[in-house]
Amino acid sequence: MIKAIPLLLISVPPFANYLVFVLMYLFPRQLLIHHFWTTQQQTEFQGVNHSHRAQHHWAALKGLESAGSHVKRQPPKEQPTRPLQQGG
């Protein structure tokens, strides 16, 4: 739905629908949902999306590692066994 809002705004003036079709042809990744992509485009766009996400993995892992050093270690608590023995 978010992808459709700019297209709706562009297509308000008369005969601007033709411009929308040209923009969809030129920018399929930004303006079309994945059902309209070719197999080649799907492979290419998934690679692009993966590389964008992978740029942030290292920073996120380092942040988790530094946050983990501040967590206190506590012995595990005993699991309640009485309700389980009674059948629920």
PDB file of N, CA and C in Angstrom:
ATOM      1  N   MET A   1       0.817  -1.189   0.000  1.00  0.00           N
ATOM      2  CA  MET A   1       0.000   0.000   0.000  1.00  0.00           C
ATOM      3  C   MET A   1       0.862   1.254   0.000  1.00  0.00           C
ATOM      4  N   ILE A   2       1.979   1.198   0.709  1.00  0.00           N
ATOM      5  CA  ILE A   2       2.852   2.360   0.782  1.00  0.00           C
ATOM      6  C   ILE A   2       3.433   2.678  -0.593  1.00  0.00           C
ATOM      7  N   LYS A   3       3.704   1.641  -1.368  1.00  0.00           N
ATOM      8  CA  LYS A   3       4.250   1.864  -2.700  1.00  0.00           C
ATOM      9  C   LYS A   3       3.243   2.541  -3.615  1.00  0.00           C
ATOM     10  N   ALA A   4       1.955   2.391  -3.340  1.00  0.00           N
ATOM     11  CA  ALA A   4       0.918   2.930  -4.218  1.00  0.00           C
ATOM     12  C   ALA A   4       0.642   4.409  -3.981  1.00  0.00           C
ATOM     13  N   ILE A   5       0.958   4.928  -2.807  1.00  0.00           N
ATOM     14  CA  ILE A   5       0.624   6.322  -2.486  1.00  0.00           C
ATOM     15  C   ILE A   5       1.299   7.312  -3.434  1.00  0.00           C
ATOM     16  N   PRO A   6       2.613   7.223  -3.683  1.00  0.00           N
ATOM     17  CA  PRO A   6       3.213   8.173  -4.624  1.00  0.00           C
ATOM     18  C   PRO A   6       2.620   8.056  -6.033  1.00  0.00           C
ATOM     19  N   LEU A   7       2.299   6.838  -6.440  1.00  0.00           N
ATOM     20  CA  LEU A   7       1.726   6.654  -7.774  1.00  0.00           C
ATOM     21  C   LEU A   7       0.340   7.291  -7.867  1.00  0.00           C
ATOM     22  N   LEU A   8      -0.414   7.192  -6.798  1.00  0.00           N
ATOM     23  CA  LEU A   8      -1.738   7.824  -6.797  1.00  0.00           C
ATOM     24  C   LEU A   8      -1.626   9.340  -6.894  1.00  0.00           C
ATOM     25  N   LEU A   9      -0.654   9.901  -6.197  1.00  0.00           N
ATOM     26  CA  LEU A   9      -0.471  11.353  -6.255  1.00  0.00           C
ATOM     27  C   LEU A   9      -0.017  11.810  -7.639  1.00  0.00           C
ATOM     28  N   ILE A  10       0.820  11.027  -8.270  1.00  0.00           N
ATOM     29  CA  ILE A  10       1.301  11.382  -9.615  1.00  0.00           C
ATOM     30  C   ILE A  10       0.179  11.252 -10.632  1.00  0.00           C
ATOM     31  N   SER A  11      -0.675  10.261 -10.457  1.00  0.00           N
ATOM     32  CA  SER A  11      -1.686   9.990 -11.477  1.00  0.00           C
ATOM     33  C   SER A  11      -2.942  10.836 -11.344  1.00  0.00           C
ATOM     34  N   VAL A  12      -2.993  11.789 -10.436  1.00  0.00           N
ATOM     35  CA  VAL A  12      -4.176  12.637 -10.275  1.00  0.00           C
ATOM     36  C   VAL A  12      -4.426  13.515 -11.503  1.00  0.00           C
ATOM     37  N   PRO A  13      -3.409  14.195 -12.042  1.00  0.00           N
ATOM     38  CA  PRO A  13      -3.684  15.018 -13.228  1.00  0.00           C
ATOM     39  C   PRO A  13      -4.104  14.149 -14.420  1.00  0.00           C
ATOM     40  N   PRO A  14      -4.903  14.717 -15.316  1.00  0.00           N
ATOM     41  CA  PRO A  14      -5.320  13.944 -16.489  1.00  0.00           C
ATOM     42  C   PRO A  14      -4.126  13.512 -17.342  1.00  0.00           C
ATOM     43  N   PHE A  15      -4.205  12.337 -17.897  1.00  0.00           N
ATOM     44  CA  PHE A  15      -3.189  11.739 -18.768  1.00  0.00           C
ATOM     45  C   PHE A  15      -1.857  11.478 -18.062  1.00  0.00           C
ATOM     46  N   ALA A  16      -1.816  11.600 -16.753  1.00  0.00           N
ATOM     47  CA  ALA A  16      -0.582  11.307 -16.031  1.00  0.00           C
ATOM     48  C   ALA A  16      -0.407   9.809 -15.811  1.00  0.00           C
ATOM     49  N   ASN A  17      -1.438   9.022 -16.088  1.00  0.00           N
ATOM     50  CA  ASN A  17      -1.327   7.574 -15.942  1.00  0.00           C
ATOM     51  C   ASN A  17      -0.232   7.004 -16.831  1.00  0.00           C
ATOM     52  N   TYR A  18      -0.022   7.620 -17.963  1.00  0.00           N
ATOM     53  CA  TYR A  18       1.040   7.155 -18.859  1.00  0.00           C
ATOM     54  C   TYR A  18       2.404   7.322 -18.197  1.00  0.00           C
ATOM     55  N   LEU A  19       2.568   8.390 -17.444  1.00  0.00           N
ATOM     56  CA  LEU A  19       3.819   8.607 -16.719  1.00  0.00           C
ATOM     57  C   LEU A  19       4.013   7.521 -15.657  1.00  0.00           C
ATOM     58  N   VAL A  20       2.945   7.113 -15.016  1.00  0.00           N
ATOM     59  CA  VAL A  20       3.022   6.067 -13.995  1.00  0.00           C
ATOM     60  C   VAL A  20       3.513   4.759 -14.610  1.00  0.00           C
ATOM     61  N   PHE A  21       3.008   4.421 -15.782  1.00  0.00           N
ATOM     62  CA  PHE A  21       3.449   3.188 -16.437  1.00  0.00           C
ATOM     63  C   PHE A  21       4.930   3.244 -16.802  1.00  0.00           C
ATOM     64  N   VAL A  22       5.392   4.399 -17.241  1.00  0.00           N
ATOM     65  CA  VAL A  22       6.813   4.559 -17.569  1.00  0.00           C
ATOM     66  C   VAL A  22       7.659   4.417 -16.307  1.00  0.00           C
ATOM     67  N   LEU A  23       7.201   5.022 -15.213  1.00  0.00           N
ATOM     68  CA  LEU A  23       7.946   4.920 -13.961  1.00  0.00           C
ATOM     69  C   LEU A  23       7.989   3.484 -13.443  1.00  0.00           C
ATOM     70  N   MET A  24       6.894   2.748 -13.608  1.00  0.00           N
ATOM     71  CA  MET A  24       6.884   1.341 -13.198  1.00  0.00           C
ATOM     72  C   MET A  24       7.866   0.525 -14.023  1.00  0.00           C
ATOM     73  N   TYR A  25       7.980   0.843 -15.283  1.00  0.00           N
ATOM     74  CA  TYR A  25       8.907   0.123 -16.150  1.00  0.00           C
ATOM     75  C   TYR A  25      10.360   0.451 -15.775  1.00  0.00           C
ATOM     76  N   LEU A  26      10.629   1.717 -15.425  1.00  0.00           N
ATOM     77  CA  LEU A  26      11.991   2.142 -15.116  1.00  0.00           C
ATOM     78  C   LEU A  26      12.430   1.750 -13.709  1.00  0.00           C
ATOM     79  N   PHE A  27      11.496   1.698 -12.760  1.00  0.00           N
ATOM     80  CA  PHE A  27      11.836   1.412 -11.365  1.00  0.00           C
ATOM     81  C   PHE A  27      10.956   0.294 -10.806  1.00  0.00           C
ATOM     82  N   PRO A  28      11.090  -0.929 -11.314  1.00  0.00           N
ATOM     83  CA  PRO A  28      10.202  -2.006 -10.859  1.00  0.00           C
ATOM     84  C   PRO A  28      10.420  -2.388  -9.396  1.00  0.00           C
ATOM     85  N   ARG A  29      11.649  -2.298  -8.911  1.00  0.00           N
ATOM     86  CA  ARG A  29      11.919  -2.702  -7.529  1.00  0.00           C
ATOM     87  C   ARG A  29      11.217  -1.782  -6.536  1.00  0.00           C
ATOM     88  N   GLN A  30      11.158  -0.495  -6.846  1.00  0.00           N
ATOM     89  CA  GLN A  30      10.568   0.466  -5.937  1.00  0.00           C
ATOM     90  C   GLN A  30       9.055   0.577  -6.092  1.00  0.00           C
ATOM     91  N   LEU A  31       8.538   0.334  -7.282  1.00  0.00           N
ATOM     92  CA  LEU A  31       7.134   0.637  -7.540  1.00  0.00           C
ATOM     93  C   LEU A  31       6.233  -0.579  -7.721  1.00  0.00           C
ATOM     94  N   LEU A  32       6.806  -1.739  -7.975  1.00  0.00           N
ATOM     95  CA  LEU A  32       5.987  -2.933  -8.192  1.00  0.00           C
ATOM     96  C   LEU A  32       6.194  -3.929  -7.071  1.00  0.00           C
ATOM     97  N   ILE A  33       5.159  -4.690  -6.764  1.00  0.00           N
ATOM     98  CA  ILE A  33       5.316  -5.761  -5.789  1.00  0.00           C
ATOM     99  C   ILE A  33       6.021  -6.932  -6.462  1.00  0.00           C
ATOM    100  N   HIS A  34       6.531  -7.849  -5.652  1.00  0.00           N
ATOM    101  CA  HIS A  34       7.385  -8.916  -6.185  1.00  0.00           C
ATOM    102  C   HIS A  34       6.645  -9.870  -7.117  1.00  0.00           C
ATOM    103  N   HIS A  35       5.332  -9.881  -7.110  1.00  0.00           N
ATOM    104  CA  HIS A  35       4.587 -10.770  -8.004  1.00  0.00           C
ATOM    105  C   HIS A  35       4.748 -10.372  -9.477  1.00  0.00           C
ATOM    106  N   PHE A  36       5.088  -9.127  -9.724  1.00  0.00           N
ATOM    107  CA  PHE A  36       5.237  -8.649 -11.096  1.00  0.00           C
ATOM    108  C   PHE A  36       6.679  -8.681 -11.586  1.00  0.00           C
ATOM    109  N   TRP A  37       7.612  -9.114 -10.749  1.00  0.00           N
ATOM    110  CA  TRP A  37       9.002  -9.184 -11.161  1.00  0.00           C
ATOM    111  C   TRP A  37       9.257 -10.469 -11.929  1.00  0.00           C
ATOM    112  N   THR A  38      10.209 -10.400 -12.857  1.00  0.00           N
ATOM    113  CA  THR A  38      10.646 -11.619 -13.541  1.00  0.00           C
ATOM    114  C   THR A  38      11.543 -12.418 -12.601  1.00  0.00           C
ATOM    115  N   THR A  39      11.857 -13.634 -12.976  1.00  0.00           N
ATOM    116  CA  THR A  39      12.722 -14.469 -12.142  1.00  0.00           C
ATOM    117  C   THR A  39      14.102 -13.840 -11.996  1.00  0.00           C
ATOM    118  N   GLN A  40      14.603 -13.284 -13.074  1.00  0.00           N
ATOM    119  CA  GLN A  40      15.910 -12.617 -13.031  1.00  0.00           C
ATOM    120  C   GLN A  40      15.860 -11.407 -12.104  1.00  0.00           C
ATOM    121  N   GLN A  41      14.786 -10.617 -12.189  1.00  0.00           N
ATOM    122  CA  GLN A  41      14.653  -9.452 -11.318  1.00  0.00           C
ATOM    123  C   GLN A  41      14.533  -9.873  -9.859  1.00  0.00           C
ATOM    124  N   GLN A  42      13.800 -10.953  -9.587  1.00  0.00           N
ATOM    125  CA  GLN A  42      13.667 -11.424  -8.213  1.00  0.00           C
ATOM    126  C   GLN A  42      15.024 -11.783  -7.628  1.00  0.00           C
ATOM    127  N   THR A  43      15.832 -12.489  -8.400  1.00  0.00           N
ATOM    128  CA  THR A  43      17.160 -12.872  -7.936  1.00  0.00           C
ATOM    129  C   THR A  43      18.019 -11.635  -7.683  1.00  0.00           C
ATOM    130  N   GLU A  44      17.987 -10.704  -8.602  1.00  0.00           N
ATOM    131  CA  GLU A  44      18.793  -9.490  -8.473  1.00  0.00           C
ATOM    132  C   GLU A  44      18.335  -8.647  -7.284  1.00  0.00           C
ATOM    133  N   PHE A  45      17.029  -8.440  -7.152  1.00  0.00           N
ATOM    134  CA  PHE A  45      16.503  -7.578  -6.098  1.00  0.00           C
ATOM    135  C   PHE A  45      16.671  -8.209  -4.722  1.00  0.00           C
ATOM    136  N   GLN A  46      16.565  -9.537  -4.639  1.00  0.00           N
ATOM    137  CA  GLN A  46      16.798 -10.203  -3.361  1.00  0.00           C
ATOM    138  C   GLN A  46      18.259 -10.068  -2.944  1.00  0.00           C
ATOM    139  N   GLY A  47      19.163 -10.115  -3.918  1.00  0.00           N
ATOM    140  CA  GLY A  47      20.576  -9.898  -3.611  1.00  0.00           C
ATOM    141  C   GLY A  47      20.837  -8.492  -3.109  1.00  0.00           C
ATOM    142  N   VAL A  48      20.194  -7.514  -3.718  1.00  0.00           N
ATOM    143  CA  VAL A  48      20.337  -6.125  -3.278  1.00  0.00           C
ATOM    144  C   VAL A  48      19.778  -5.960  -1.862  1.00  0.00           C
ATOM    145  N   ASN A  49      18.601  -6.512  -1.611  1.00  0.00           N
ATOM    146  CA  ASN A  49      18.002  -6.406  -0.286  1.00  0.00           C
ATOM    147  C   ASN A  49      18.866  -7.096   0.769  1.00  0.00           C
ATOM    148  N   HIS A  50      19.426  -8.248   0.414  1.00  0.00           N
ATOM    149  CA  HIS A  50      20.291  -8.962   1.349  1.00  0.00           C
ATOM    150  C   HIS A  50      21.544  -8.153   1.677  1.00  0.00           C
ATOM    151  N   SER A  51      22.135  -7.535   0.678  1.00  0.00           N
ATOM    152  CA  SER A  51      23.354  -6.758   0.932  1.00  0.00           C
ATOM    153  C   SER A  51      23.052  -5.543   1.808  1.00  0.00           C
ATOM    154  N   HIS A  52      21.883  -4.939   1.645  1.00  0.00           N
ATOM    155  CA  HIS A  52      21.505  -3.812   2.507  1.00  0.00           C
ATOM    156  C   HIS A  52      21.347  -4.273   3.959  1.00  0.00           C
ATOM    157  N   ARG A  53      20.718  -5.427   4.149  1.00  0.00           N
ATOM    158  CA  ARG A  53      20.537  -5.939   5.515  1.00  0.00           C
ATOM    159  C   ARG A  53      21.864  -6.392   6.102  1.00  0.00           C
ATOM    160  N   ALA A  54      22.722  -7.008   5.303  1.00  0.00           N
ATOM    161  CA  ALA A  54      23.978  -7.565   5.797  1.00  0.00           C
ATOM    162  C   ALA A  54      24.945  -6.482   6.257  1.00  0.00           C
ATOM    163  N   GLN A  55      24.795  -5.269   5.769  1.00  0.00           N
ATOM    164  CA  GLN A  55      25.668  -4.176   6.201  1.00  0.00           C
ATOM    165  C   GLN A  55      25.518  -3.908   7.696  1.00  0.00           C
ATOM    166  N   HIS A  56      24.370  -4.202   8.263  1.00  0.00           N
ATOM    167  CA  HIS A  56      24.099  -3.875   9.657  1.00  0.00           C
ATOM    168  C   HIS A  56      24.301  -5.058  10.601  1.00  0.00           C
ATOM    169  N   HIS A  57      24.570  -6.245  10.070  1.00  0.00           N
ATOM    170  CA  HIS A  57      24.719  -7.423  10.922  1.00  0.00           C
ATOM    171  C   HIS A  57      25.889  -7.288  11.887  1.00  0.00           C
ATOM    172  N   TRP A  58      27.029  -6.842  11.394  1.00  0.00           N
ATOM    173  CA  TRP A  58      28.225  -6.787  12.225  1.00  0.00           C
ATOM    174  C   TRP A  58      28.027  -5.815  13.382  1.00  0.00           C
ATOM    175  N   ALA A  59      27.451  -4.659  13.125  1.00  0.00           N
ATOM    176  CA  ALA A  59      27.220  -3.678  14.189  1.00  0.00           C
ATOM    177  C   ALA A  59      26.219  -4.213  15.216  1.00  0.00           C
ATOM    178  N   ALA A  60      25.194  -4.899  14.743  1.00  0.00           N
ATOM    179  CA  ALA A  60      24.200  -5.459  15.666  1.00  0.00           C
ATOM    180  C   ALA A  60      24.818  -6.546  16.537  1.00  0.00           C
ATOM    181  N   LEU A  61      25.645  -7.405  15.958  1.00  0.00           N
ATOM    182  CA  LEU A  61      26.299  -8.452  16.737  1.00  0.00           C
ATOM    183  C   LEU A  61      27.260  -7.871  17.770  1.00  0.00           C
ATOM    184  N   LYS A  62      27.999  -6.846  17.405  1.00  0.00           N
ATOM    185  CA  LYS A  62      28.914  -6.199  18.351  1.00  0.00           C
ATOM    186  C   LYS A  62      28.125  -5.539  19.479  1.00  0.00           C
ATOM    187  N   GLY A  63      26.982  -4.941  19.169  1.00  0.00           N
ATOM    188  CA  GLY A  63      26.139  -4.340  20.197  1.00  0.00           C
ATOM    189  C   GLY A  63      25.599  -5.380  21.157  1.00  0.00           C
ATOM    190  N   LEU A  64      25.179  -6.527  20.625  1.00  0.00           N
ATOM    191  CA  LEU A  64      24.704  -7.606  21.493  1.00  0.00           C
ATOM    192  C   LEU A  64      25.828  -8.163  22.361  1.00  0.00           C
ATOM    193  N   GLU A  65      27.015  -8.251  21.790  1.00  0.00           N
ATOM    194  CA  GLU A  65      28.155  -8.760  22.542  1.00  0.00           C
ATOM    195  C   GLU A  65      28.503  -7.829  23.698  1.00  0.00           C
ATOM    196  N   SER A  66      28.499  -6.530  23.445  1.00  0.00           N
ATOM    197  CA  SER A  66      28.820  -5.593  24.523  1.00  0.00           C
ATOM    198  C   SER A  66      27.702  -5.537  25.557  1.00  0.00           C
ATOM    199  N   ALA A  67      26.454  -5.685  25.144  1.00  0.00           N
ATOM    200  CA  ALA A  67      25.343  -5.690  26.098  1.00  0.00           C
ATOM    201  C   ALA A  67      25.357  -6.966  26.926  1.00  0.00           C
ATOM    202  N   GLY A  68      25.813  -8.063  26.358  1.00  0.00           N
ATOM    203  CA  GLY A  68      25.854  -9.324  27.071  1.00  0.00           C
ATOM    204  C   GLY A  68      26.845  -9.325  28.220  1.00  0.00           C
ATOM    205  N   SER A  69      27.862  -8.503  28.131  1.00  0.00           N
ATOM    206  CA  SER A  69      28.847  -8.465  29.217  1.00  0.00           C
ATOM    207  C   SER A  69      28.285  -7.772  30.459  1.00  0.00           C
ATOM    208  N   HIS A  70      27.193  -7.041  30.325  1.00  0.00           N
ATOM    209  CA  HIS A  70      26.596  -6.333  31.457  1.00  0.00           C
ATOM    210  C   HIS A  70      25.499  -7.139  32.140  1.00  0.00           C
ATOM    211  N   VAL A  71      25.144  -8.284  31.597  1.00  0.00           N
ATOM    212  CA  VAL A  71      24.082  -9.106  32.165  1.00  0.00           C
ATOM    213  C   VAL A  71      24.656  -9.965  33.281  1.00  0.00           C
ATOM    214  N   LYS A  72      23.971  -9.970  34.432  1.00  0.00           N
ATOM    215  CA  LYS A  72      24.428 -10.773  35.564  1.00  0.00           C
ATOM    216  C   LYS A  72      24.031 -12.226  35.338  1.00  0.00           C
ATOM    217  N   ARG A  73      24.940 -13.104  35.696  1.00  0.00           N
ATOM    218  CA  ARG A  73      24.639 -14.531  35.579  1.00  0.00           C
ATOM    219  C   ARG A  73      23.988 -14.989  36.871  1.00  0.00           C
ATOM    220  N   GLN A  74      22.847 -15.645  36.751  1.00  0.00           N
ATOM    221  CA  GLN A  74      22.135 -16.167  37.905  1.00  0.00           C
ATOM    222  C   GLN A  74      21.909 -17.656  37.693  1.00  0.00           C
ATOM    223  N   PRO A  75      21.877 -18.399  38.781  1.00  0.00           N
ATOM    224  CA  PRO A  75      21.594 -19.836  38.621  1.00  0.00           C
ATOM    225  C   PRO A  75      20.164 -20.013  38.133  1.00  0.00           C
ATOM    226  N   PRO A  76      19.921 -21.041  37.339  1.00  0.00           N
ATOM    227  CA  PRO A  76      18.560 -21.261  36.845  1.00  0.00           C
ATOM    228  C   PRO A  76      17.610 -21.607  37.980  1.00  0.00           C
ATOM    229  N   LYS A  77      16.396 -21.114  37.862  1.00  0.00           N
ATOM    230  CA  LYS A  77      15.395 -21.390  38.889  1.00  0.00           C
ATOM    231  C   LYS A  77      14.810 -22.776  38.664  1.00  0.00           C
ATOM    232  N   GLU A  78      14.333 -23.380  39.770  1.00  0.00           N
ATOM    233  CA  GLU A  78      13.732 -24.700  39.652  1.00  0.00           C
ATOM    234  C   GLU A  78      12.399 -24.597  38.927  1.00  0.00           C
ATOM    235  N   GLN A  79      12.139 -25.570  38.103  1.00  0.00           N
ATOM    236  CA  GLN A  79      10.887 -25.604  37.365  1.00  0.00           C
ATOM    237  C   GLN A  79       9.789 -26.153  38.271  1.00  0.00           C
ATOM    238  N   PRO A  80       8.610 -25.557  38.261  1.00  0.00           N
ATOM    239  CA  PRO A  80       7.517 -26.106  39.075  1.00  0.00           C
ATOM    240  C   PRO A  80       7.069 -27.463  38.519  1.00  0.00           C
ATOM    241  N   THR A  81       7.151 -28.482  39.342  1.00  0.00           N
ATOM    242  CA  THR A  81       6.803 -29.825  38.871  1.00  0.00           C
ATOM    243  C   THR A  81       5.439 -30.288  39.393  1.00  0.00           C
ATOM    244  N   ARG A  82       4.947 -29.672  40.463  1.00  0.00           N
ATOM    245  CA  ARG A  82       3.710 -30.124  41.071  1.00  0.00           C
ATOM    246  C   ARG A  82       2.524 -30.031  40.111  1.00  0.00           C
ATOM    247  N   PRO A  83       2.280 -28.909  39.392  1.00  0.00           N
ATOM    248  CA  PRO A  83       1.136 -28.894  38.459  1.00  0.00           C
ATOM    249  C   PRO A  83       1.266 -29.909  37.337  1.00  0.00           C
ATOM    250  N   LEU A  84       2.476 -30.209  36.926  1.00  0.00           N
ATOM    251  CA  LEU A  84       2.674 -31.171  35.857  1.00  0.00           C
ATOM    252  C   LEU A  84       2.364 -32.597  36.337  1.00  0.00           C
ATOM    253  N   GLN A  85       2.677 -32.862  37.593  1.00  0.00           N
ATOM    254  CA  GLN A  85       2.407 -34.192  38.135  1.00  0.00           C
ATOM    255  C   GLN A  85       0.912 -34.426  38.350  1.00  0.00           C
ATOM    256  N   GLN A  86       0.168 -33.343  38.600  1.00  0.00           N
ATOM    257  CA  GLN A  86      -1.261 -33.482  38.839  1.00  0.00           C
ATOM    258  C   GLN A  86      -2.050 -33.559  37.544  1.00  0.00           C
ATOM    259  N   GLY A  87      -1.408 -33.336  36.450  1.00  0.00           N
ATOM    260  CA  GLY A  87      -2.097 -33.445  35.155  1.00  0.00           C
ATOM    261  C   GLY A  87      -2.629 -32.107  34.659  1.00  0.00           C
ATOM    262  N   GLY A  88      -2.096 -31.014  35.132  1.00  0.00           N
ATOM    263  CA  GLY A  88      -2.486 -29.730  34.564  1.00  0.00           C
ATOM    264  C   GLY A  88      -3.136 -28.881  35.521  1.00  0.00           C
TER     265      GLY A  88
END
